Amino acid sequence: MDSKIKTCVAVLNLEKQSKKLTGSRLRGFAGYFFLEDPEFHHHGENPYHYPLIQYKIIDKKPVIVGIQEYADILMKKVSGMEIITLPGFTAKVCDVDLRIIVTELKAERTFYEFLTPWIALNEKNYKTYKEAGANDKKILLEKILIGNVLSALKGMGIFIDQKLSAELIDHREVPVKAHNNFFKGFKGNFALNILLPDMIGLGKSVSKGFGTIRRIR
């Protein structure tokens, strides 16, 4: 396997925090700030498109992640973001911590955690999940996770010939709200037989910060 993923992780250090600041609202603000580039706001987003710009709240701090060609674009543009304005909340951006990381994909067993809830289920497979026993639920989720990884890699322009495997080591259900609807999300740890970058999202609504992963070292 000879593929690389370039990411830019921009952590915005604000003068104050607010519970009103979510990944979705951060994306909405950035959409106006970077109005000329549709990848930054995903309006009319194709459900099968993997977003190369993703907005997250990690450890109460807003984080923007740019992937592949958008790593360099984000690095150049984010320095111009001096203030964040939302309905009922305005904060100065004191500084931005920027990290550019190039991850070489490797076929090796790697352990991860979901930093934000993973939205795995859609309307069709939710019914299957709901009616399944505990072991079959786990097997279903592992198959979905493999599909999510392949979809993400495809969206980054990467196609692999190895057979992927996934193991949910521990997981729990958590309620999440996205698109003004409530979904069943999942938190926990898992293993894949491939090395992926930290801070990318898997599953649904990754542009709004869901399904963010980090390696467990």
N, C-alpha and C. Protein backbone atom coordinates (compact mmCIF):
# COMPACT_ATOMS: atom_id res chain seq x y z
N MET A 1 0.85 -1.19 0.00
CA MET A 1 0.00 0.00 0.00
C MET A 1 0.89 1.24 0.00
N ASP A 2 0.71 2.08 -1.00
CA ASP A 2 1.55 3.27 -1.11
C ASP A 2 0.66 4.49 -1.30
N SER A 3 -0.02 4.89 -0.23
CA SER A 3 -0.91 6.04 -0.27
C SER A 3 -0.68 6.89 0.97
N LYS A 4 -0.84 8.20 0.79
CA LYS A 4 -0.65 9.11 1.90
C LYS A 4 -1.86 10.03 2.03
N ILE A 5 -2.16 10.40 3.26
CA ILE A 5 -3.24 11.34 3.54
C ILE A 5 -2.64 12.55 4.25
N LYS A 6 -2.88 13.71 3.68
CA LYS A 6 -2.38 14.95 4.28
C LYS A 6 -3.53 15.64 5.01
N THR A 7 -3.31 16.00 6.25
CA THR A 7 -4.34 16.71 7.02
C THR A 7 -3.76 17.97 7.64
N CYS A 8 -4.61 18.97 7.74
CA CYS A 8 -4.29 20.17 8.52
C CYS A 8 -5.31 20.27 9.63
N VAL A 9 -4.84 20.30 10.86
CA VAL A 9 -5.72 20.43 12.02
C VAL A 9 -5.52 21.83 12.60
N ALA A 10 -6.59 22.63 12.56
CA ALA A 10 -6.54 24.01 13.05
C ALA A 10 -7.39 24.11 14.31
N VAL A 11 -6.76 24.34 15.44
CA VAL A 11 -7.46 24.51 16.72
C VAL A 11 -7.57 26.01 17.00
N LEU A 12 -8.79 26.51 17.10
CA LEU A 12 -9.02 27.94 17.32
C LEU A 12 -9.10 28.21 18.81
N ASN A 13 -8.18 29.02 19.30
CA ASN A 13 -8.20 29.41 20.71
C ASN A 13 -8.97 30.71 20.84
N LEU A 14 -10.16 30.63 21.44
CA LEU A 14 -11.04 31.78 21.56
C LEU A 14 -10.87 32.46 22.91
N GLU A 15 -11.26 33.72 22.96
CA GLU A 15 -11.16 34.47 24.22
C GLU A 15 -12.16 33.97 25.26
N LYS A 16 -13.21 33.29 24.80
CA LYS A 16 -14.20 32.74 25.73
C LYS A 16 -14.88 31.56 25.06
N GLN A 17 -15.55 30.73 25.87
CA GLN A 17 -16.22 29.54 25.37
C GLN A 17 -17.72 29.71 25.48
N SER A 18 -18.44 28.87 24.75
CA SER A 18 -19.89 28.90 24.83
C SER A 18 -20.45 27.55 24.39
N LYS A 19 -21.50 27.10 25.08
CA LYS A 19 -22.17 25.86 24.68
C LYS A 19 -22.92 26.03 23.37
N LYS A 20 -23.12 27.29 22.97
CA LYS A 20 -23.81 27.55 21.70
C LYS A 20 -22.95 27.19 20.50
N LEU A 21 -21.64 27.08 20.72
CA LEU A 21 -20.74 26.78 19.63
C LEU A 21 -20.69 25.27 19.40
N THR A 22 -21.24 24.83 18.27
CA THR A 22 -21.24 23.42 17.90
C THR A 22 -20.54 23.26 16.56
N GLY A 23 -20.26 22.03 16.19
CA GLY A 23 -19.65 21.79 14.89
C GLY A 23 -20.52 22.31 13.77
N SER A 24 -21.83 22.13 13.90
CA SER A 24 -22.77 22.59 12.88
C SER A 24 -22.76 24.11 12.76
N ARG A 25 -22.77 24.81 13.90
CA ARG A 25 -22.77 26.28 13.87
C ARG A 25 -21.43 26.83 13.41
N LEU A 26 -20.35 26.15 13.77
CA LEU A 26 -19.03 26.56 13.28
C LEU A 26 -18.98 26.43 11.76
N ARG A 27 -19.55 25.35 11.23
CA ARG A 27 -19.60 25.16 9.79
C ARG A 27 -20.42 26.26 9.12
N GLY A 28 -21.54 26.62 9.75
CA GLY A 28 -22.38 27.68 9.20
C GLY A 28 -21.65 29.01 9.12
N PHE A 29 -20.92 29.35 10.20
CA PHE A 29 -20.15 30.61 10.19
C PHE A 29 -19.05 30.57 9.14
N ALA A 30 -18.31 29.46 9.10
CA ALA A 30 -17.20 29.35 8.15
C ALA A 30 -17.71 29.37 6.71
N GLY A 31 -18.94 28.88 6.50
CA GLY A 31 -19.52 28.92 5.16
C GLY A 31 -19.63 30.33 4.62
N TYR A 32 -19.95 31.28 5.48
CA TYR A 32 -19.99 32.68 5.06
C TYR A 32 -18.59 33.26 4.95
N PHE A 33 -17.73 32.87 5.85
CA PHE A 33 -16.35 33.40 5.85
C PHE A 33 -15.60 32.94 4.60
N PHE A 34 -15.82 31.68 4.21
CA PHE A 34 -15.15 31.12 3.03
C PHE A 34 -16.18 30.91 1.91
N LEU A 35 -16.98 31.94 1.67
CA LEU A 35 -18.13 31.81 0.79
C LEU A 35 -17.77 31.35 -0.62
N GLU A 36 -16.57 31.72 -1.08
CA GLU A 36 -16.21 31.43 -2.48
C GLU A 36 -15.88 29.97 -2.73
N ASP A 37 -15.71 29.19 -1.69
CA ASP A 37 -15.31 27.79 -1.86
C ASP A 37 -16.37 26.88 -1.25
N PRO A 38 -17.17 26.19 -2.10
CA PRO A 38 -18.29 25.39 -1.58
C PRO A 38 -17.86 24.25 -0.66
N GLU A 39 -16.62 23.79 -0.74
CA GLU A 39 -16.18 22.69 0.13
C GLU A 39 -16.21 23.10 1.59
N PHE A 40 -16.14 24.43 1.86
CA PHE A 40 -16.12 24.90 3.24
C PHE A 40 -17.52 24.93 3.87
N HIS A 41 -18.58 24.85 3.04
CA HIS A 41 -19.91 24.93 3.66
C HIS A 41 -20.85 23.82 3.22
N HIS A 42 -20.52 23.07 2.16
CA HIS A 42 -21.28 21.86 1.80
C HIS A 42 -22.77 22.11 1.59
N HIS A 43 -23.13 23.31 1.09
CA HIS A 43 -24.54 23.55 0.82
C HIS A 43 -24.98 22.68 -0.35
N GLY A 44 -26.14 22.07 -0.22
CA GLY A 44 -26.60 21.14 -1.24
C GLY A 44 -25.73 19.90 -1.29
N GLU A 45 -25.24 19.50 -0.14
CA GLU A 45 -24.25 18.44 -0.04
C GLU A 45 -24.78 17.11 -0.55
N ASN A 46 -24.03 16.46 -1.42
CA ASN A 46 -24.33 15.12 -1.88
C ASN A 46 -24.11 14.16 -0.70
N PRO A 47 -25.12 13.34 -0.37
CA PRO A 47 -24.95 12.46 0.79
C PRO A 47 -23.82 11.46 0.63
N TYR A 48 -23.36 11.23 -0.60
CA TYR A 48 -22.28 10.28 -0.84
C TYR A 48 -20.92 10.97 -0.95
N HIS A 49 -20.92 12.29 -0.79
CA HIS A 49 -19.66 13.05 -0.86
C HIS A 49 -18.99 13.05 0.51
N TYR A 50 -17.69 12.73 0.52
CA TYR A 50 -16.96 12.77 1.79
C TYR A 50 -16.35 14.16 1.95
N PRO A 51 -16.74 14.93 2.97
CA PRO A 51 -16.26 16.30 3.12
C PRO A 51 -14.77 16.37 3.44
N LEU A 52 -14.06 17.17 2.69
CA LEU A 52 -12.62 17.35 2.92
C LEU A 52 -12.34 18.52 3.86
N ILE A 53 -13.38 19.24 4.27
CA ILE A 53 -13.30 20.22 5.36
C ILE A 53 -14.31 19.78 6.41
N GLN A 54 -13.86 19.64 7.65
CA GLN A 54 -14.73 19.16 8.73
C GLN A 54 -14.60 20.06 9.95
N TYR A 55 -15.72 20.28 10.63
CA TYR A 55 -15.79 21.19 11.77
C TYR A 55 -16.15 20.40 13.03
N LYS A 56 -15.40 20.63 14.08
CA LYS A 56 -15.58 19.83 15.30
C LYS A 56 -15.41 20.71 16.54
N ILE A 57 -15.97 20.25 17.63
CA ILE A 57 -15.68 20.81 18.95
C ILE A 57 -15.00 19.69 19.74
N ILE A 58 -13.72 19.87 20.02
CA ILE A 58 -12.93 18.86 20.73
C ILE A 58 -12.35 19.51 21.98
N ASP A 59 -12.63 18.92 23.13
CA ASP A 59 -12.18 19.48 24.41
C ASP A 59 -12.61 20.94 24.54
N LYS A 60 -13.85 21.21 24.10
CA LYS A 60 -14.50 22.52 24.20
C LYS A 60 -13.89 23.57 23.28
N LYS A 61 -12.99 23.16 22.38
CA LYS A 61 -12.37 24.10 21.45
C LYS A 61 -12.82 23.81 20.02
N PRO A 62 -13.10 24.87 19.25
CA PRO A 62 -13.46 24.65 17.85
C PRO A 62 -12.24 24.20 17.05
N VAL A 63 -12.46 23.20 16.22
CA VAL A 63 -11.38 22.61 15.42
C VAL A 63 -11.87 22.49 13.98
N ILE A 64 -11.03 22.91 13.03
CA ILE A 64 -11.33 22.72 11.61
C ILE A 64 -10.24 21.81 11.05
N VAL A 65 -10.68 20.80 10.30
CA VAL A 65 -9.74 19.85 9.70
C VAL A 65 -9.85 19.92 8.18
N GLY A 66 -8.72 20.12 7.52
CA GLY A 66 -8.66 20.08 6.07
C GLY A 66 -7.91 18.83 5.63
N ILE A 67 -8.43 18.17 4.61
CA ILE A 67 -7.89 16.86 4.19
C ILE A 67 -7.45 16.92 2.73
N GLN A 68 -6.31 16.27 2.46
CA GLN A 68 -5.70 16.20 1.13
C GLN A 68 -5.45 17.61 0.59
N GLU A 69 -5.97 17.97 -0.57
CA GLU A 69 -5.65 19.29 -1.12
C GLU A 69 -6.17 20.42 -0.25
N TYR A 70 -7.17 20.12 0.60
CA TYR A 70 -7.72 21.17 1.46
C TYR A 70 -6.89 21.37 2.73
N ALA A 71 -5.90 20.55 2.95
CA ALA A 71 -4.99 20.80 4.07
C ALA A 71 -4.23 22.10 3.85
N ASP A 72 -3.65 22.27 2.67
CA ASP A 72 -2.91 23.50 2.36
C ASP A 72 -3.84 24.70 2.24
N ILE A 73 -5.02 24.48 1.66
CA ILE A 73 -5.97 25.58 1.51
C ILE A 73 -6.41 26.10 2.87
N LEU A 74 -6.72 25.19 3.78
CA LEU A 74 -7.12 25.60 5.13
C LEU A 74 -5.99 26.33 5.83
N MET A 75 -4.77 25.83 5.72
CA MET A 75 -3.63 26.45 6.38
C MET A 75 -3.46 27.91 5.93
N LYS A 76 -3.70 28.17 4.65
CA LYS A 76 -3.54 29.53 4.13
C LYS A 76 -4.69 30.44 4.53
N LYS A 77 -5.91 29.88 4.61
CA LYS A 77 -7.08 30.72 4.80
C LYS A 77 -7.46 30.97 6.26
N VAL A 78 -7.18 29.99 7.14
CA VAL A 78 -7.71 30.08 8.49
C VAL A 78 -7.08 31.21 9.29
N SER A 79 -5.89 31.65 8.90
CA SER A 79 -5.25 32.75 9.64
C SER A 79 -6.04 34.05 9.52
N GLY A 80 -6.90 34.14 8.50
CA GLY A 80 -7.72 35.34 8.35
C GLY A 80 -8.95 35.36 9.21
N MET A 81 -9.21 34.28 9.93
CA MET A 81 -10.38 34.20 10.80
C MET A 81 -10.03 34.84 12.15
N GLU A 82 -10.44 36.06 12.34
CA GLU A 82 -10.08 36.81 13.55
C GLU A 82 -11.19 36.86 14.59
N ILE A 83 -12.41 36.55 14.18
CA ILE A 83 -13.54 36.61 15.10
C ILE A 83 -14.58 35.59 14.65
N ILE A 84 -15.28 35.00 15.60
CA ILE A 84 -16.38 34.10 15.30
C ILE A 84 -17.67 34.74 15.81
N THR A 85 -18.66 34.84 14.93
CA THR A 85 -19.93 35.46 15.28
C THR A 85 -21.06 34.49 14.99
N LEU A 86 -21.83 34.19 16.02
CA LEU A 86 -23.00 33.34 15.91
C LEU A 86 -24.17 34.07 16.56
N PRO A 87 -25.40 33.63 16.31
CA PRO A 87 -26.53 34.23 17.03
C PRO A 87 -26.34 34.10 18.54
N GLY A 88 -26.22 35.22 19.22
CA GLY A 88 -26.07 35.20 20.67
C GLY A 88 -24.66 34.94 21.17
N PHE A 89 -23.68 34.89 20.27
CA PHE A 89 -22.31 34.62 20.71
C PHE A 89 -21.31 35.19 19.72
N THR A 90 -20.37 35.99 20.27
CA THR A 90 -19.26 36.53 19.48
C THR A 90 -17.98 36.37 20.29
N ALA A 91 -16.93 35.91 19.65
CA ALA A 91 -15.66 35.72 20.36
C ALA A 91 -14.49 36.00 19.43
N LYS A 92 -13.48 36.65 19.99
CA LYS A 92 -12.25 36.90 19.25
C LYS A 92 -11.41 35.62 19.19
N VAL A 93 -10.81 35.38 18.03
CA VAL A 93 -9.87 34.27 17.89
C VAL A 93 -8.49 34.77 18.32
N CYS A 94 -8.04 34.32 19.48
CA CYS A 94 -6.76 34.81 20.02
C CYS A 94 -5.58 34.30 19.19
N ASP A 95 -5.60 33.03 18.86
CA ASP A 95 -4.57 32.46 18.00
C ASP A 95 -5.07 31.11 17.49
N VAL A 96 -4.35 30.57 16.52
CA VAL A 96 -4.72 29.30 15.90
C VAL A 96 -3.53 28.36 15.98
N ASP A 97 -3.75 27.20 16.57
CA ASP A 97 -2.71 26.14 16.57
C ASP A 97 -2.88 25.32 15.30
N LEU A 98 -1.85 25.33 14.47
CA LEU A 98 -1.91 24.63 13.18
C LEU A 98 -0.95 23.46 13.16
N ARG A 99 -1.45 22.33 12.69
CA ARG A 99 -0.58 21.17 12.51
C ARG A 99 -0.85 20.57 11.14
N ILE A 100 0.22 20.39 10.38
CA ILE A 100 0.14 19.66 9.11
C ILE A 100 0.73 18.28 9.34
N ILE A 101 -0.05 17.26 9.01
CA ILE A 101 0.39 15.89 9.24
C ILE A 101 0.21 15.09 7.96
N VAL A 102 1.23 14.33 7.60
CA VAL A 102 1.12 13.41 6.47
C VAL A 102 1.16 11.99 7.03
N THR A 103 0.08 11.26 6.83
CA THR A 103 -0.03 9.90 7.34
C THR A 103 0.11 8.91 6.19
N GLU A 104 1.04 8.03 6.30
CA GLU A 104 1.20 6.98 5.29
C GLU A 104 0.34 5.79 5.68
N LEU A 105 -0.58 5.44 4.79
CA LEU A 105 -1.45 4.31 5.09
C LEU A 105 -0.64 3.03 5.21
N LYS A 106 -0.89 2.31 6.27
CA LYS A 106 -0.18 1.05 6.49
C LYS A 106 -1.17 -0.02 6.89
N ALA A 107 -0.94 -1.23 6.42
CA ALA A 107 -1.78 -2.37 6.78
C ALA A 107 -1.29 -2.93 8.11
N GLU A 108 -1.71 -2.28 9.19
CA GLU A 108 -1.32 -2.75 10.51
C GLU A 108 -2.47 -2.54 11.49
N ARG A 109 -2.60 -3.44 12.43
CA ARG A 109 -3.68 -3.35 13.41
C ARG A 109 -3.46 -2.13 14.29
N THR A 110 -4.47 -1.27 14.32
CA THR A 110 -4.38 0.00 15.02
C THR A 110 -5.64 0.21 15.84
N PHE A 111 -5.48 0.75 17.05
CA PHE A 111 -6.61 0.98 17.94
C PHE A 111 -6.99 2.46 17.92
N TYR A 112 -8.30 2.70 17.95
CA TYR A 112 -8.83 4.05 17.87
C TYR A 112 -9.93 4.24 18.91
N GLU A 113 -10.26 5.52 19.13
CA GLU A 113 -11.42 5.87 19.93
C GLU A 113 -12.24 6.90 19.16
N PHE A 114 -13.55 6.90 19.40
CA PHE A 114 -14.40 7.96 18.85
C PHE A 114 -14.40 9.12 19.83
N LEU A 115 -13.88 10.26 19.39
CA LEU A 115 -13.90 11.46 20.24
C LEU A 115 -15.28 12.10 20.25
N THR A 116 -16.02 11.93 19.17
CA THR A 116 -17.39 12.44 19.06
C THR A 116 -18.27 11.29 18.60
N PRO A 117 -19.57 11.34 18.86
CA PRO A 117 -20.43 10.21 18.52
C PRO A 117 -20.40 9.84 17.04
N TRP A 118 -20.34 8.55 16.80
CA TRP A 118 -20.35 7.99 15.44
C TRP A 118 -21.80 7.69 15.07
N ILE A 119 -22.27 8.33 13.99
CA ILE A 119 -23.63 8.07 13.49
C ILE A 119 -23.51 7.01 12.40
N ALA A 120 -23.79 5.79 12.78
CA ALA A 120 -23.57 4.65 11.88
C ALA A 120 -24.82 4.25 11.11
N LEU A 121 -25.98 4.43 11.72
CA LEU A 121 -27.20 3.82 11.19
C LEU A 121 -28.02 4.78 10.34
N ASN A 122 -28.62 4.24 9.29
CA ASN A 122 -29.61 4.98 8.53
C ASN A 122 -30.99 4.35 8.76
N GLU A 123 -31.97 4.87 8.09
CA GLU A 123 -33.34 4.40 8.33
C GLU A 123 -33.48 2.91 8.01
N LYS A 124 -32.77 2.46 6.98
CA LYS A 124 -32.89 1.07 6.55
C LYS A 124 -32.22 0.11 7.54
N ASN A 125 -30.94 0.40 7.87
CA ASN A 125 -30.25 -0.57 8.74
C ASN A 125 -30.58 -0.38 10.22
N TYR A 126 -31.24 0.73 10.57
CA TYR A 126 -31.66 0.89 11.97
C TYR A 126 -32.68 -0.19 12.35
N LYS A 127 -33.59 -0.50 11.41
CA LYS A 127 -34.60 -1.52 11.69
C LYS A 127 -33.92 -2.89 11.92
N THR A 128 -32.92 -3.20 11.08
CA THR A 128 -32.18 -4.44 11.25
C THR A 128 -31.46 -4.47 12.59
N TYR A 129 -30.83 -3.34 12.93
CA TYR A 129 -30.10 -3.22 14.19
C TYR A 129 -31.04 -3.40 15.38
N LYS A 130 -32.18 -2.75 15.33
CA LYS A 130 -33.11 -2.77 16.45
C LYS A 130 -33.62 -4.17 16.74
N GLU A 131 -33.79 -4.97 15.68
CA GLU A 131 -34.36 -6.31 15.84
C GLU A 131 -33.31 -7.38 16.10
N ALA A 132 -32.03 -7.02 16.01
CA ALA A 132 -30.95 -8.01 16.13
C ALA A 132 -30.59 -8.25 17.61
N GLY A 133 -29.96 -9.40 17.84
CA GLY A 133 -29.42 -9.70 19.15
C GLY A 133 -28.10 -8.96 19.35
N ALA A 134 -27.54 -9.04 20.56
CA ALA A 134 -26.34 -8.27 20.89
C ALA A 134 -25.17 -8.59 19.96
N ASN A 135 -24.93 -9.86 19.72
CA ASN A 135 -23.78 -10.24 18.87
C ASN A 135 -24.00 -9.81 17.42
N ASP A 136 -25.21 -9.97 16.92
CA ASP A 136 -25.51 -9.56 15.54
C ASP A 136 -25.46 -8.04 15.40
N LYS A 137 -25.82 -7.31 16.43
CA LYS A 137 -25.69 -5.85 16.40
C LYS A 137 -24.22 -5.46 16.23
N LYS A 138 -23.36 -6.12 16.98
CA LYS A 138 -21.93 -5.83 16.91
C LYS A 138 -21.38 -6.14 15.51
N ILE A 139 -21.77 -7.28 14.96
CA ILE A 139 -21.31 -7.66 13.62
C ILE A 139 -21.80 -6.65 12.58
N LEU A 140 -23.05 -6.22 12.69
CA LEU A 140 -23.60 -5.24 11.77
C LEU A 140 -22.83 -3.93 11.84
N LEU A 141 -22.57 -3.45 13.06
CA LEU A 141 -21.85 -2.19 13.22
C LEU A 141 -20.43 -2.29 12.67
N GLU A 142 -19.79 -3.44 12.83
CA GLU A 142 -18.43 -3.61 12.31
C GLU A 142 -18.43 -3.57 10.78
N LYS A 143 -19.44 -4.15 10.16
CA LYS A 143 -19.56 -4.09 8.70
C LYS A 143 -19.78 -2.65 8.24
N ILE A 144 -20.61 -1.92 8.97
CA ILE A 144 -20.87 -0.52 8.63
C ILE A 144 -19.59 0.30 8.78
N LEU A 145 -18.83 0.03 9.83
CA LEU A 145 -17.58 0.75 10.06
C LEU A 145 -16.61 0.53 8.91
N ILE A 146 -16.50 -0.70 8.44
CA ILE A 146 -15.63 -0.98 7.29
C ILE A 146 -16.10 -0.18 6.07
N GLY A 147 -17.40 -0.16 5.84
CA GLY A 147 -17.94 0.62 4.73
C GLY A 147 -17.65 2.10 4.87
N ASN A 148 -17.75 2.63 6.10
CA ASN A 148 -17.45 4.03 6.35
C ASN A 148 -15.99 4.37 6.03
N VAL A 149 -15.08 3.47 6.41
CA VAL A 149 -13.66 3.69 6.14
C VAL A 149 -13.41 3.69 4.64
N LEU A 150 -13.98 2.74 3.92
CA LEU A 150 -13.79 2.67 2.46
C LEU A 150 -14.37 3.90 1.78
N SER A 151 -15.53 4.38 2.24
CA SER A 151 -16.13 5.58 1.67
C SER A 151 -15.27 6.80 1.90
N ALA A 152 -14.70 6.91 3.12
CA ALA A 152 -13.82 8.04 3.43
C ALA A 152 -12.58 8.01 2.54
N LEU A 153 -11.96 6.86 2.41
CA LEU A 153 -10.76 6.74 1.58
C LEU A 153 -11.08 7.08 0.12
N LYS A 154 -12.21 6.59 -0.36
CA LYS A 154 -12.62 6.90 -1.74
C LYS A 154 -12.78 8.41 -1.92
N GLY A 155 -13.38 9.08 -0.91
CA GLY A 155 -13.56 10.53 -0.98
C GLY A 155 -12.24 11.29 -0.98
N MET A 156 -11.19 10.65 -0.47
CA MET A 156 -9.85 11.25 -0.48
C MET A 156 -9.07 10.86 -1.73
N GLY A 157 -9.72 10.12 -2.63
CA GLY A 157 -9.05 9.69 -3.84
C GLY A 157 -8.16 8.47 -3.67
N ILE A 158 -8.45 7.67 -2.64
CA ILE A 158 -7.61 6.51 -2.34
C ILE A 158 -8.43 5.23 -2.47
N PHE A 159 -7.91 4.28 -3.23
CA PHE A 159 -8.56 2.98 -3.39
C PHE A 159 -7.55 1.91 -2.96
N ILE A 160 -7.97 1.03 -2.10
CA ILE A 160 -7.05 0.02 -1.57
C ILE A 160 -7.49 -1.36 -2.01
N ASP A 161 -6.54 -2.28 -2.09
CA ASP A 161 -6.87 -3.64 -2.51
C ASP A 161 -6.84 -4.63 -1.34
N GLN A 162 -6.47 -4.15 -0.16
CA GLN A 162 -6.46 -5.06 0.98
C GLN A 162 -7.87 -5.23 1.54
N LYS A 163 -8.11 -6.37 2.18
CA LYS A 163 -9.38 -6.61 2.83
C LYS A 163 -9.36 -5.98 4.22
N LEU A 164 -10.30 -5.09 4.46
CA LEU A 164 -10.35 -4.42 5.76
C LEU A 164 -11.09 -5.27 6.78
N SER A 165 -10.66 -5.16 8.02
CA SER A 165 -11.37 -5.79 9.13
C SER A 165 -11.54 -4.76 10.24
N ALA A 166 -12.62 -4.89 10.98
CA ALA A 166 -12.91 -3.97 12.08
C ALA A 166 -13.39 -4.76 13.29
N GLU A 167 -13.01 -4.30 14.47
CA GLU A 167 -13.48 -4.93 15.71
C GLU A 167 -13.87 -3.84 16.69
N LEU A 168 -15.13 -3.85 17.10
CA LEU A 168 -15.58 -2.95 18.17
C LEU A 168 -15.17 -3.58 19.49
N ILE A 169 -14.26 -2.91 20.18
CA ILE A 169 -13.73 -3.47 21.43
C ILE A 169 -14.67 -3.18 22.59
N ASP A 170 -15.14 -1.97 22.65
CA ASP A 170 -16.24 -1.65 23.55
C ASP A 170 -16.98 -0.47 22.93
N HIS A 171 -18.27 -0.47 23.09
CA HIS A 171 -19.05 0.64 22.51
C HIS A 171 -20.34 0.77 23.30
N ARG A 172 -20.88 1.96 23.23
CA ARG A 172 -22.14 2.23 23.92
C ARG A 172 -22.98 3.18 23.06
N GLU A 173 -24.26 3.06 23.21
CA GLU A 173 -25.17 3.93 22.47
C GLU A 173 -25.28 5.29 23.16
N VAL A 174 -25.33 6.35 22.35
CA VAL A 174 -25.53 7.70 22.87
C VAL A 174 -26.51 8.43 21.95
N PRO A 175 -27.46 9.17 22.50
CA PRO A 175 -28.39 9.93 21.64
C PRO A 175 -27.68 11.16 21.08
N VAL A 176 -27.90 11.44 19.81
CA VAL A 176 -27.29 12.62 19.18
C VAL A 176 -28.36 13.34 18.36
N LYS A 177 -28.14 14.63 18.17
CA LYS A 177 -29.05 15.43 17.35
C LYS A 177 -28.28 15.97 16.16
N ALA A 178 -28.78 15.68 14.96
CA ALA A 178 -28.18 16.19 13.72
C ALA A 178 -29.30 16.42 12.72
N HIS A 179 -29.17 17.48 11.93
CA HIS A 179 -30.20 17.84 10.95
C HIS A 179 -31.57 18.01 11.62
N ASN A 180 -31.53 18.51 12.86
CA ASN A 180 -32.76 18.73 13.63
C ASN A 180 -33.52 17.44 13.93
N ASN A 181 -32.84 16.32 13.85
CA ASN A 181 -33.44 15.03 14.20
C ASN A 181 -32.56 14.32 15.22
N PHE A 182 -33.18 13.43 15.99
CA PHE A 182 -32.41 12.64 16.95
C PHE A 182 -32.02 11.30 16.34
N PHE A 183 -30.78 10.90 16.55
CA PHE A 183 -30.26 9.65 16.02
C PHE A 183 -29.63 8.86 17.16
N LYS A 184 -29.42 7.57 16.89
CA LYS A 184 -28.67 6.73 17.81
C LYS A 184 -27.21 6.77 17.36
N GLY A 185 -26.34 7.31 18.22
CA GLY A 185 -24.92 7.35 17.92
C GLY A 185 -24.18 6.38 18.83
N PHE A 186 -22.87 6.28 18.59
CA PHE A 186 -22.05 5.34 19.36
C PHE A 186 -20.73 5.98 19.75
N LYS A 187 -20.30 5.70 20.96
CA LYS A 187 -18.97 6.07 21.43
C LYS A 187 -18.25 4.78 21.82
N GLY A 188 -16.91 4.88 21.92
CA GLY A 188 -16.16 3.71 22.35
C GLY A 188 -14.87 3.54 21.59
N ASN A 189 -14.27 2.36 21.73
CA ASN A 189 -12.98 2.06 21.11
C ASN A 189 -13.14 0.94 20.08
N PHE A 190 -12.25 0.95 19.10
CA PHE A 190 -12.32 -0.08 18.06
C PHE A 190 -10.93 -0.27 17.45
N ALA A 191 -10.80 -1.34 16.69
CA ALA A 191 -9.54 -1.63 16.01
C ALA A 191 -9.80 -1.83 14.52
N LEU A 192 -8.85 -1.37 13.71
CA LEU A 192 -8.87 -1.59 12.26
C LEU A 192 -7.52 -2.17 11.86
N ASN A 193 -7.48 -2.85 10.73
CA ASN A 193 -6.19 -3.35 10.25
C ASN A 193 -5.58 -2.38 9.24
N ILE A 194 -5.75 -1.09 9.52
CA ILE A 194 -5.18 -0.05 8.69
C ILE A 194 -4.90 1.17 9.55
N LEU A 195 -3.84 1.88 9.24
CA LEU A 195 -3.47 3.11 9.95
C LEU A 195 -4.12 4.30 9.27
N LEU A 196 -4.92 5.05 10.02
CA LEU A 196 -5.61 6.24 9.50
C LEU A 196 -5.18 7.47 10.30
N PRO A 197 -5.36 8.67 9.72
CA PRO A 197 -4.99 9.89 10.45
C PRO A 197 -5.93 10.16 11.63
N ASP A 198 -5.39 10.80 12.63
CA ASP A 198 -6.21 11.33 13.71
C ASP A 198 -7.10 12.44 13.19
N MET A 199 -8.25 12.61 13.83
CA MET A 199 -9.14 13.76 13.69
C MET A 199 -10.01 13.75 12.43
N ILE A 200 -9.93 12.70 11.61
CA ILE A 200 -10.88 12.62 10.50
C ILE A 200 -12.17 12.00 11.02
N GLY A 201 -13.26 12.19 10.28
CA GLY A 201 -14.54 11.67 10.69
C GLY A 201 -14.96 10.46 9.88
N LEU A 202 -15.72 9.57 10.51
CA LEU A 202 -16.29 8.41 9.84
C LEU A 202 -17.79 8.38 10.09
N GLY A 203 -18.55 7.91 9.09
CA GLY A 203 -19.98 7.79 9.25
C GLY A 203 -20.73 8.97 8.68
N LYS A 204 -21.87 9.28 9.28
CA LYS A 204 -22.73 10.35 8.80
C LYS A 204 -22.41 11.67 9.50
N SER A 205 -22.69 12.77 8.79
CA SER A 205 -22.55 14.13 9.33
C SER A 205 -21.13 14.43 9.81
N VAL A 206 -20.12 13.92 9.09
CA VAL A 206 -18.74 14.17 9.53
C VAL A 206 -18.35 15.63 9.35
N SER A 207 -19.00 16.35 8.41
CA SER A 207 -18.65 17.76 8.24
C SER A 207 -19.02 18.57 9.48
N LYS A 208 -19.97 18.06 10.28
CA LYS A 208 -20.41 18.74 11.50
C LYS A 208 -19.74 18.18 12.74
N GLY A 209 -18.73 17.33 12.53
CA GLY A 209 -17.92 16.89 13.66
C GLY A 209 -18.20 15.51 14.20
N PHE A 210 -19.20 14.82 13.65
CA PHE A 210 -19.53 13.49 14.18
C PHE A 210 -18.54 12.44 13.69
N GLY A 211 -18.36 11.40 14.50
CA GLY A 211 -17.52 10.28 14.11
C GLY A 211 -16.03 10.57 14.07
N THR A 212 -15.58 11.56 14.84
CA THR A 212 -14.16 11.92 14.84
C THR A 212 -13.34 10.85 15.56
N ILE A 213 -12.26 10.41 14.93
CA ILE A 213 -11.45 9.33 15.50
C ILE A 213 -10.07 9.82 15.93
N ARG A 214 -9.49 9.10 16.87
CA ARG A 214 -8.11 9.35 17.31
C ARG A 214 -7.48 8.03 17.69
N ARG A 215 -6.24 7.85 17.28
CA ARG A 215 -5.53 6.63 17.64
C ARG A 215 -5.30 6.57 19.15
N ILE A 216 -5.37 5.36 19.69
CA ILE A 216 -5.04 5.14 21.10
C ILE A 216 -3.60 4.65 21.14
N ARG A 217 -2.74 5.43 21.76
CA ARG A 217 -1.31 5.13 21.75
C ARG A 217 -0.90 4.46 23.04
